[in-house]
Amino acid sequence: LRNAMIPVVTILGLQFAFLLAGTIIIENVFYLPGLGRLVFQAINQRDLIVVESVVMLLVAAVIVVNFIVDLSYAVVDPRLRGRQ
């Protein structure tokens, strides 16, 4: 059943992106300090430099997670390792 783990790993990687996107809502509802609240305040104050910086940070995190997911495919399913 190792080959059936590939979709599970993919969904787990995608859920990380949704988790990051949900921080903006959660931090504002519960009045928690964090990147989500910082982005929300920066949008309200039209501080584009802060918004762009946080968005670039989140994009970099999503890219790293997707790269880790792609590398984990070879660990999960040995058929994807290639010929040696």
PDB file of N, CA and C in Angstrom:
ATOM      1  N   LEU A   1       0.803  -1.214   0.000  1.00  0.00           N
ATOM      2  CA  LEU A   1       0.000   0.000   0.000  1.00  0.00           C
ATOM      3  C   LEU A   1       0.839   1.268   0.000  1.00  0.00           C
ATOM      4  N   ARG A   2       2.135   1.112  -0.228  1.00  0.00           N
ATOM      5  CA  ARG A   2       2.990   2.303  -0.218  1.00  0.00           C
ATOM      6  C   ARG A   2       2.670   3.239  -1.375  1.00  0.00           C
ATOM      7  N   ASN A   3       2.243   2.677  -2.510  1.00  0.00           N
ATOM      8  CA  ASN A   3       1.912   3.534  -3.640  1.00  0.00           C
ATOM      9  C   ASN A   3       0.632   4.324  -3.392  1.00  0.00           C
ATOM     10  N   ALA A   4      -0.194   3.894  -2.454  1.00  0.00           N
ATOM     11  CA  ALA A   4      -1.411   4.630  -2.114  1.00  0.00           C
ATOM     12  C   ALA A   4      -1.127   5.821  -1.204  1.00  0.00           C
ATOM     13  N   MET A   5       0.089   5.934  -0.713  1.00  0.00           N
ATOM     14  CA  MET A   5       0.433   7.048   0.175  1.00  0.00           C
ATOM     15  C   MET A   5       0.734   8.339  -0.582  1.00  0.00           C
ATOM     16  N   ILE A   6       0.969   8.267  -1.883  1.00  0.00           N
ATOM     17  CA  ILE A   6       1.312   9.469  -2.651  1.00  0.00           C
ATOM     18  C   ILE A   6       0.198  10.512  -2.594  1.00  0.00           C
ATOM     19  N   PRO A   7      -1.074  10.158  -2.823  1.00  0.00           N
ATOM     20  CA  PRO A   7      -2.122  11.183  -2.695  1.00  0.00           C
ATOM     21  C   PRO A   7      -2.258  11.730  -1.275  1.00  0.00           C
ATOM     22  N   VAL A   8      -1.999  10.884  -0.287  1.00  0.00           N
ATOM     23  CA  VAL A   8      -2.086  11.342   1.102  1.00  0.00           C
ATOM     24  C   VAL A   8      -1.011  12.383   1.383  1.00  0.00           C
ATOM     25  N   VAL A   9       0.197  12.129   0.921  1.00  0.00           N
ATOM     26  CA  VAL A   9       1.292  13.085   1.114  1.00  0.00           C
ATOM     27  C   VAL A   9       0.993  14.388   0.376  1.00  0.00           C
ATOM     28  N   THR A  10       0.415  14.283  -0.813  1.00  0.00           N
ATOM     29  CA  THR A  10       0.064  15.477  -1.580  1.00  0.00           C
ATOM     30  C   THR A  10      -0.971  16.315  -0.842  1.00  0.00           C
ATOM     31  N   ILE A  11      -1.995  15.670  -0.312  1.00  0.00           N
ATOM     32  CA  ILE A  11      -3.045  16.394   0.416  1.00  0.00           C
ATOM     33  C   ILE A  11      -2.480  17.032   1.679  1.00  0.00           C
ATOM     34  N   LEU A  12      -1.582  16.348   2.366  1.00  0.00           N
ATOM     35  CA  LEU A  12      -0.973  16.937   3.561  1.00  0.00           C
ATOM     36  C   LEU A  12      -0.179  18.190   3.213  1.00  0.00           C
ATOM     37  N   GLY A  13       0.516  18.163   2.097  1.00  0.00           N
ATOM     38  CA  GLY A  13       1.252  19.347   1.653  1.00  0.00           C
ATOM     39  C   GLY A  13       0.326  20.493   1.299  1.00  0.00           C
ATOM     40  N   LEU A  14      -0.796  20.189   0.640  1.00  0.00           N
ATOM     41  CA  LEU A  14      -1.763  21.231   0.295  1.00  0.00           C
ATOM     42  C   LEU A  14      -2.442  21.801   1.537  1.00  0.00           C
ATOM     43  N   GLN A  15      -2.660  20.960   2.530  1.00  0.00           N
ATOM     44  CA  GLN A  15      -3.293  21.432   3.758  1.00  0.00           C
ATOM     45  C   GLN A  15      -2.419  22.459   4.477  1.00  0.00           C
ATOM     46  N   PHE A  16      -1.112  22.351   4.309  1.00  0.00           N
ATOM     47  CA  PHE A  16      -0.218  23.336   4.920  1.00  0.00           C
ATOM     48  C   PHE A  16      -0.478  24.722   4.350  1.00  0.00           C
ATOM     49  N   ALA A  17      -0.717  24.802   3.044  1.00  0.00           N
ATOM     50  CA  ALA A  17      -1.021  26.095   2.425  1.00  0.00           C
ATOM     51  C   ALA A  17      -2.337  26.654   2.962  1.00  0.00           C
ATOM     52  N   PHE A  18      -3.332  25.798   3.129  1.00  0.00           N
ATOM     53  CA  PHE A  18      -4.604  26.251   3.689  1.00  0.00           C
ATOM     54  C   PHE A  18      -4.439  26.683   5.145  1.00  0.00           C
ATOM     55  N   LEU A  19      -3.558  26.016   5.861  1.00  0.00           N
ATOM     56  CA  LEU A  19      -3.286  26.387   7.248  1.00  0.00           C
ATOM     57  C   LEU A  19      -2.685  27.785   7.329  1.00  0.00           C
ATOM     58  N   LEU A  20      -1.754  28.084   6.435  1.00  0.00           N
ATOM     59  CA  LEU A  20      -1.163  29.422   6.409  1.00  0.00           C
ATOM     60  C   LEU A  20      -2.196  30.480   6.038  1.00  0.00           C
ATOM     61  N   ALA A  21      -3.067  30.162   5.096  1.00  0.00           N
ATOM     62  CA  ALA A  21      -4.091  31.123   4.687  1.00  0.00           C
ATOM     63  C   ALA A  21      -5.108  31.355   5.801  1.00  0.00           C
ATOM     64  N   GLY A  22      -5.361  30.352   6.598  1.00  0.00           N
ATOM     65  CA  GLY A  22      -6.330  30.482   7.681  1.00  0.00           C
ATOM     66  C   GLY A  22      -5.828  31.277   8.869  1.00  0.00           C
ATOM     67  N   THR A  23      -4.531  31.524   8.943  1.00  0.00           N
ATOM     68  CA  THR A  23      -4.011  32.270  10.088  1.00  0.00           C
ATOM     69  C   THR A  23      -4.523  33.699  10.120  1.00  0.00           C
ATOM     70  N   ILE A  24      -4.772  34.286   8.964  1.00  0.00           N
ATOM     71  CA  ILE A  24      -5.267  35.666   8.931  1.00  0.00           C
ATOM     72  C   ILE A  24      -6.619  35.746   9.620  1.00  0.00           C
ATOM     73  N   ILE A  25      -7.493  34.809   9.333  1.00  0.00           N
ATOM     74  CA  ILE A  25      -8.833  34.821   9.925  1.00  0.00           C
ATOM     75  C   ILE A  25      -8.773  34.478  11.406  1.00  0.00           C
ATOM     76  N   ILE A  26      -8.059  33.425  11.761  1.00  0.00           N
ATOM     77  CA  ILE A  26      -8.007  32.965  13.151  1.00  0.00           C
ATOM     78  C   ILE A  26      -7.382  34.018  14.057  1.00  0.00           C
ATOM     79  N   GLU A  27      -6.294  34.628  13.618  1.00  0.00           N
ATOM     80  CA  GLU A  27      -5.624  35.616  14.460  1.00  0.00           C
ATOM     81  C   GLU A  27      -6.472  36.861  14.651  1.00  0.00           C
ATOM     82  N   ASN A  28      -7.298  37.204  13.689  1.00  0.00           N
ATOM     83  CA  ASN A  28      -8.161  38.366  13.854  1.00  0.00           C
ATOM     84  C   ASN A  28      -9.399  38.048  14.684  1.00  0.00           C
ATOM     85  N   VAL A  29      -9.934  36.857  14.569  1.00  0.00           N
ATOM     86  CA  VAL A  29     -11.108  36.485  15.358  1.00  0.00           C
ATOM     87  C   VAL A  29     -10.749  36.395  16.837  1.00  0.00           C
ATOM     88  N   PHE A  30      -9.625  35.771  17.146  1.00  0.00           N
ATOM     89  CA  PHE A  30      -9.227  35.577  18.539  1.00  0.00           C
ATOM     90  C   PHE A  30      -8.244  36.634  19.039  1.00  0.00           C
ATOM     91  N   TYR A  31      -7.985  37.644  18.233  1.00  0.00           N
ATOM     92  CA  TYR A  31      -7.117  38.766  18.591  1.00  0.00           C
ATOM     93  C   TYR A  31      -5.745  38.270  19.067  1.00  0.00           C
ATOM     94  N   LEU A  32      -5.132  37.425  18.245  1.00  0.00           N
ATOM     95  CA  LEU A  32      -3.805  36.891  18.541  1.00  0.00           C
ATOM     96  C   LEU A  32      -2.755  37.648  17.730  1.00  0.00           C
ATOM     97  N   PRO A  33      -1.587  37.891  18.305  1.00  0.00           N
ATOM     98  CA  PRO A  33      -0.528  38.527  17.516  1.00  0.00           C
ATOM     99  C   PRO A  33       0.110  37.503  16.580  1.00  0.00           C
ATOM    100  N   GLY A  34       0.491  37.963  15.406  1.00  0.00           N
ATOM    101  CA  GLY A  34       1.133  37.065  14.455  1.00  0.00           C
ATOM    102  C   GLY A  34       1.160  37.657  13.062  1.00  0.00           C
ATOM    103  N   LEU A  35       1.598  36.850  12.111  1.00  0.00           N
ATOM    104  CA  LEU A  35       1.703  37.326  10.733  1.00  0.00           C
ATOM    105  C   LEU A  35       0.340  37.642  10.130  1.00  0.00           C
ATOM    106  N   GLY A  36      -0.667  36.868  10.475  1.00  0.00           N
ATOM    107  CA  GLY A  36      -2.002  37.130   9.943  1.00  0.00           C
ATOM    108  C   GLY A  36      -2.542  38.475  10.384  1.00  0.00           C
ATOM    109  N   ARG A  37      -2.367  38.775  11.638  1.00  0.00           N
ATOM    110  CA  ARG A  37      -2.828  40.071  12.159  1.00  0.00           C
ATOM    111  C   ARG A  37      -1.995  41.206  11.563  1.00  0.00           C
ATOM    112  N   LEU A  38      -0.703  40.977  11.399  1.00  0.00           N
ATOM    113  CA  LEU A  38       0.172  41.982  10.799  1.00  0.00           C
ATOM    114  C   LEU A  38      -0.268  42.295   9.372  1.00  0.00           C
ATOM    115  N   VAL A  39      -0.590  41.265   8.606  1.00  0.00           N
ATOM    116  CA  VAL A  39      -1.046  41.479   7.233  1.00  0.00           C
ATOM    117  C   VAL A  39      -2.374  42.225   7.219  1.00  0.00           C
ATOM    118  N   PHE A  40      -3.280  41.845   8.092  1.00  0.00           N
ATOM    119  CA  PHE A  40      -4.590  42.505   8.146  1.00  0.00           C
ATOM    120  C   PHE A  40      -4.444  43.985   8.487  1.00  0.00           C
ATOM    121  N   GLN A  41      -3.606  44.298   9.466  1.00  0.00           N
ATOM    122  CA  GLN A  41      -3.380  45.703   9.827  1.00  0.00           C
ATOM    123  C   GLN A  41      -2.673  46.450   8.702  1.00  0.00           C
ATOM    124  N   ALA A  42      -1.740  45.802   8.035  1.00  0.00           N
ATOM    125  CA  ALA A  42      -1.028  46.453   6.930  1.00  0.00           C
ATOM    126  C   ALA A  42      -1.963  46.725   5.756  1.00  0.00           C
ATOM    127  N   ILE A  43      -2.897  45.823   5.509  1.00  0.00           N
ATOM    128  CA  ILE A  43      -3.875  46.057   4.441  1.00  0.00           C
ATOM    129  C   ILE A  43      -4.769  47.232   4.792  1.00  0.00           C
ATOM    130  N   ASN A  44      -5.212  47.296   6.038  1.00  0.00           N
ATOM    131  CA  ASN A  44      -6.069  48.411   6.463  1.00  0.00           C
ATOM    132  C   ASN A  44      -5.338  49.745   6.403  1.00  0.00           C
ATOM    133  N   GLN A  45      -4.040  49.742   6.682  1.00  0.00           N
ATOM    134  CA  GLN A  45      -3.255  50.977   6.665  1.00  0.00           C
ATOM    135  C   GLN A  45      -2.610  51.226   5.304  1.00  0.00           C
ATOM    136  N   ARG A  46      -2.864  50.358   4.340  1.00  0.00           N
ATOM    137  CA  ARG A  46      -2.314  50.448   2.983  1.00  0.00           C
ATOM    138  C   ARG A  46      -0.781  50.472   2.980  1.00  0.00           C
ATOM    139  N   ASP A  47      -0.194  49.658   3.821  1.00  0.00           N
ATOM    140  CA  ASP A  47       1.259  49.531   3.900  1.00  0.00           C
ATOM    141  C   ASP A  47       1.687  48.377   2.984  1.00  0.00           C
ATOM    142  N   LEU A  48       1.924  48.706   1.723  1.00  0.00           N
ATOM    143  CA  LEU A  48       2.164  47.673   0.723  1.00  0.00           C
ATOM    144  C   LEU A  48       3.487  46.944   0.909  1.00  0.00           C
ATOM    145  N   ILE A  49       4.471  47.602   1.485  1.00  0.00           N
ATOM    146  CA  ILE A  49       5.771  46.951   1.695  1.00  0.00           C
ATOM    147  C   ILE A  49       5.626  45.778   2.668  1.00  0.00           C
ATOM    148  N   VAL A  50       4.888  45.982   3.741  1.00  0.00           N
ATOM    149  CA  VAL A  50       4.686  44.908   4.720  1.00  0.00           C
ATOM    150  C   VAL A  50       3.860  43.783   4.104  1.00  0.00           C
ATOM    151  N   VAL A  51       2.826  44.139   3.362  1.00  0.00           N
ATOM    152  CA  VAL A  51       1.984  43.122   2.728  1.00  0.00           C
ATOM    153  C   VAL A  51       2.804  42.284   1.750  1.00  0.00           C
ATOM    154  N   GLU A  52       3.591  42.937   0.917  1.00  0.00           N
ATOM    155  CA  GLU A  52       4.420  42.210  -0.045  1.00  0.00           C
ATOM    156  C   GLU A  52       5.448  41.330   0.657  1.00  0.00           C
ATOM    157  N   SER A  53       6.028  41.826   1.733  1.00  0.00           N
ATOM    158  CA  SER A  53       7.043  41.049   2.456  1.00  0.00           C
ATOM    159  C   SER A  53       6.446  39.789   3.066  1.00  0.00           C
ATOM    160  N   VAL A  54       5.302  39.919   3.706  1.00  0.00           N
ATOM    161  CA  VAL A  54       4.680  38.755   4.334  1.00  0.00           C
ATOM    162  C   VAL A  54       4.193  37.775   3.271  1.00  0.00           C
ATOM    163  N   VAL A  55       3.652  38.279   2.186  1.00  0.00           N
ATOM    164  CA  VAL A  55       3.200  37.396   1.110  1.00  0.00           C
ATOM    165  C   VAL A  55       4.385  36.638   0.515  1.00  0.00           C
ATOM    166  N   MET A  56       5.506  37.310   0.314  1.00  0.00           N
ATOM    167  CA  MET A  56       6.691  36.626  -0.215  1.00  0.00           C
ATOM    168  C   MET A  56       7.200  35.568   0.765  1.00  0.00           C
ATOM    169  N   LEU A  57       7.130  35.850   2.058  1.00  0.00           N
ATOM    170  CA  LEU A  57       7.532  34.874   3.069  1.00  0.00           C
ATOM    171  C   LEU A  57       6.623  33.645   3.028  1.00  0.00           C
ATOM    172  N   LEU A  58       5.324  33.872   2.916  1.00  0.00           N
ATOM    173  CA  LEU A  58       4.386  32.756   2.855  1.00  0.00           C
ATOM    174  C   LEU A  58       4.541  31.966   1.558  1.00  0.00           C
ATOM    175  N   VAL A  59       4.810  32.651   0.464  1.00  0.00           N
ATOM    176  CA  VAL A  59       5.043  31.961  -0.810  1.00  0.00           C
ATOM    177  C   VAL A  59       6.292  31.092  -0.718  1.00  0.00           C
ATOM    178  N   ALA A  60       7.339  31.608  -0.100  1.00  0.00           N
ATOM    179  CA  ALA A  60       8.564  30.821   0.071  1.00  0.00           C
ATOM    180  C   ALA A  60       8.298  29.584   0.933  1.00  0.00           C
ATOM    181  N   ALA A  61       7.488  29.735   1.971  1.00  0.00           N
ATOM    182  CA  ALA A  61       7.156  28.588   2.821  1.00  0.00           C
ATOM    183  C   ALA A  61       6.378  27.534   2.043  1.00  0.00           C
ATOM    184  N   VAL A  62       5.442  27.953   1.214  1.00  0.00           N
ATOM    185  CA  VAL A  62       4.660  27.006   0.411  1.00  0.00           C
ATOM    186  C   VAL A  62       5.555  26.304  -0.609  1.00  0.00           C
ATOM    187  N   ILE A  63       6.482  27.026  -1.210  1.00  0.00           N
ATOM    188  CA  ILE A  63       7.397  26.412  -2.176  1.00  0.00           C
ATOM    189  C   ILE A  63       8.285  25.376  -1.495  1.00  0.00           C
ATOM    190  N   VAL A  64       8.782  25.690  -0.314  1.00  0.00           N
ATOM    191  CA  VAL A  64       9.624  24.736   0.421  1.00  0.00           C
ATOM    192  C   VAL A  64       8.822  23.491   0.791  1.00  0.00           C
ATOM    193  N   VAL A  65       7.587  23.679   1.235  1.00  0.00           N
ATOM    194  CA  VAL A  65       6.754  22.525   1.596  1.00  0.00           C
ATOM    195  C   VAL A  65       6.466  21.669   0.366  1.00  0.00           C
ATOM    196  N   ASN A  66       6.177  22.287  -0.765  1.00  0.00           N
ATOM    197  CA  ASN A  66       5.936  21.517  -1.988  1.00  0.00           C
ATOM    198  C   ASN A  66       7.188  20.768  -2.431  1.00  0.00           C
ATOM    199  N   PHE A  67       8.351  21.366  -2.243  1.00  0.00           N
ATOM    200  CA  PHE A  67       9.603  20.688  -2.575  1.00  0.00           C
ATOM    201  C   PHE A  67       9.817  19.476  -1.667  1.00  0.00           C
ATOM    202  N   ILE A  68       9.530  19.638  -0.384  1.00  0.00           N
ATOM    203  CA  ILE A  68       9.662  18.521   0.557  1.00  0.00           C
ATOM    204  C   ILE A  68       8.679  17.406   0.207  1.00  0.00           C
ATOM    205  N   VAL A  69       7.467  17.779  -0.188  1.00  0.00           N
ATOM    206  CA  VAL A  69       6.478  16.779  -0.604  1.00  0.00           C
ATOM    207  C   VAL A  69       6.977  16.023  -1.829  1.00  0.00           C
ATOM    208  N   ASP A  70       7.542  16.735  -2.797  1.00  0.00           N
ATOM    209  CA  ASP A  70       8.069  16.071  -3.990  1.00  0.00           C
ATOM    210  C   ASP A  70       9.216  15.122  -3.646  1.00  0.00           C
ATOM    211  N   LEU A  71      10.068  15.518  -2.726  1.00  0.00           N
ATOM    212  CA  LEU A  71      11.159  14.633  -2.319  1.00  0.00           C
ATOM    213  C   LEU A  71      10.648  13.426  -1.539  1.00  0.00           C
ATOM    214  N   SER A  72       9.584  13.609  -0.804  1.00  0.00           N
ATOM    215  CA  SER A  72       9.054  12.500  -0.009  1.00  0.00           C
ATOM    216  C   SER A  72       8.379  11.439  -0.871  1.00  0.00           C
ATOM    217  N   TYR A  73       8.034  11.771  -2.111  1.00  0.00           N
ATOM    218  CA  TYR A  73       7.459  10.766  -3.003  1.00  0.00           C
ATOM    219  C   TYR A  73       8.414   9.600  -3.197  1.00  0.00           C
ATOM    220  N   ALA A  74       9.692   9.881  -3.328  1.00  0.00           N
ATOM    221  CA  ALA A  74      10.677   8.816  -3.524  1.00  0.00           C
ATOM    222  C   ALA A  74      10.825   7.953  -2.273  1.00  0.00           C
ATOM    223  N   VAL A  75      10.619   8.536  -1.119  1.00  0.00           N
ATOM    224  CA  VAL A  75      10.702   7.768   0.124  1.00  0.00           C
ATOM    225  C   VAL A  75       9.468   6.886   0.279  1.00  0.00           C
ATOM    226  N   VAL A  76       8.315   7.439  -0.071  1.00  0.00           N
ATOM    227  CA  VAL A  76       7.060   6.716   0.105  1.00  0.00           C
ATOM    228  C   VAL A  76       6.922   5.582  -0.912  1.00  0.00           C
ATOM    229  N   ASP A  77       7.233   5.845  -2.169  1.00  0.00           N
ATOM    230  CA  ASP A  77       7.072   4.844  -3.227  1.00  0.00           C
ATOM    231  C   ASP A  77       8.426   4.570  -3.881  1.00  0.00           C
ATOM    232  N   PRO A  78       9.029   3.434  -3.615  1.00  0.00           N
ATOM    233  CA  PRO A  78      10.362   3.134  -4.147  1.00  0.00           C
ATOM    234  C   PRO A  78      10.420   3.079  -5.674  1.00  0.00           C
ATOM    235  N   ARG A  79       9.302   2.872  -6.344  1.00  0.00           N
ATOM    236  CA  ARG A  79       9.307   2.825  -7.812  1.00  0.00           C
ATOM    237  C   ARG A  79       9.683   4.167  -8.416  1.00  0.00           C
ATOM    238  N   LEU A  80       9.511   5.246  -7.674  1.00  0.00           N
ATOM    239  CA  LEU A  80       9.787   6.580  -8.191  1.00  0.00           C
ATOM    240  C   LEU A  80      11.240   7.004  -8.010  1.00  0.00           C
ATOM    241  N   ARG A  81      12.053   6.175  -7.411  1.00  0.00           N
ATOM    242  CA  ARG A  81      13.460   6.531  -7.178  1.00  0.00           C
ATOM    243  C   ARG A  81      14.264   6.541  -8.460  1.00  0.00           C
ATOM    244  N   GLY A  82      13.854   5.813  -9.448  1.00  0.00           N
ATOM    245  CA  GLY A  82      14.592   5.771 -10.711  1.00  0.00           C
ATOM    246  C   GLY A  82      15.582   4.628 -10.733  1.00  0.00           C
ATOM    247  N   ARG A  83      16.219   4.491 -11.876  1.00  0.00           N
ATOM    248  CA  ARG A  83      17.210   3.425 -12.034  1.00  0.00           C
ATOM    249  C   ARG A  83      18.544   3.865 -11.475  1.00  0.00           C
ATOM    250  N   GLN A  84      19.238   2.903 -10.876  1.00  0.00           N
ATOM    251  CA  GLN A  84      20.525   3.235 -10.273  1.00  0.00           C
ATOM    252  C   GLN A  84      21.635   2.438 -10.894  1.00  0.00           C
TER     253      GLN A  84
END
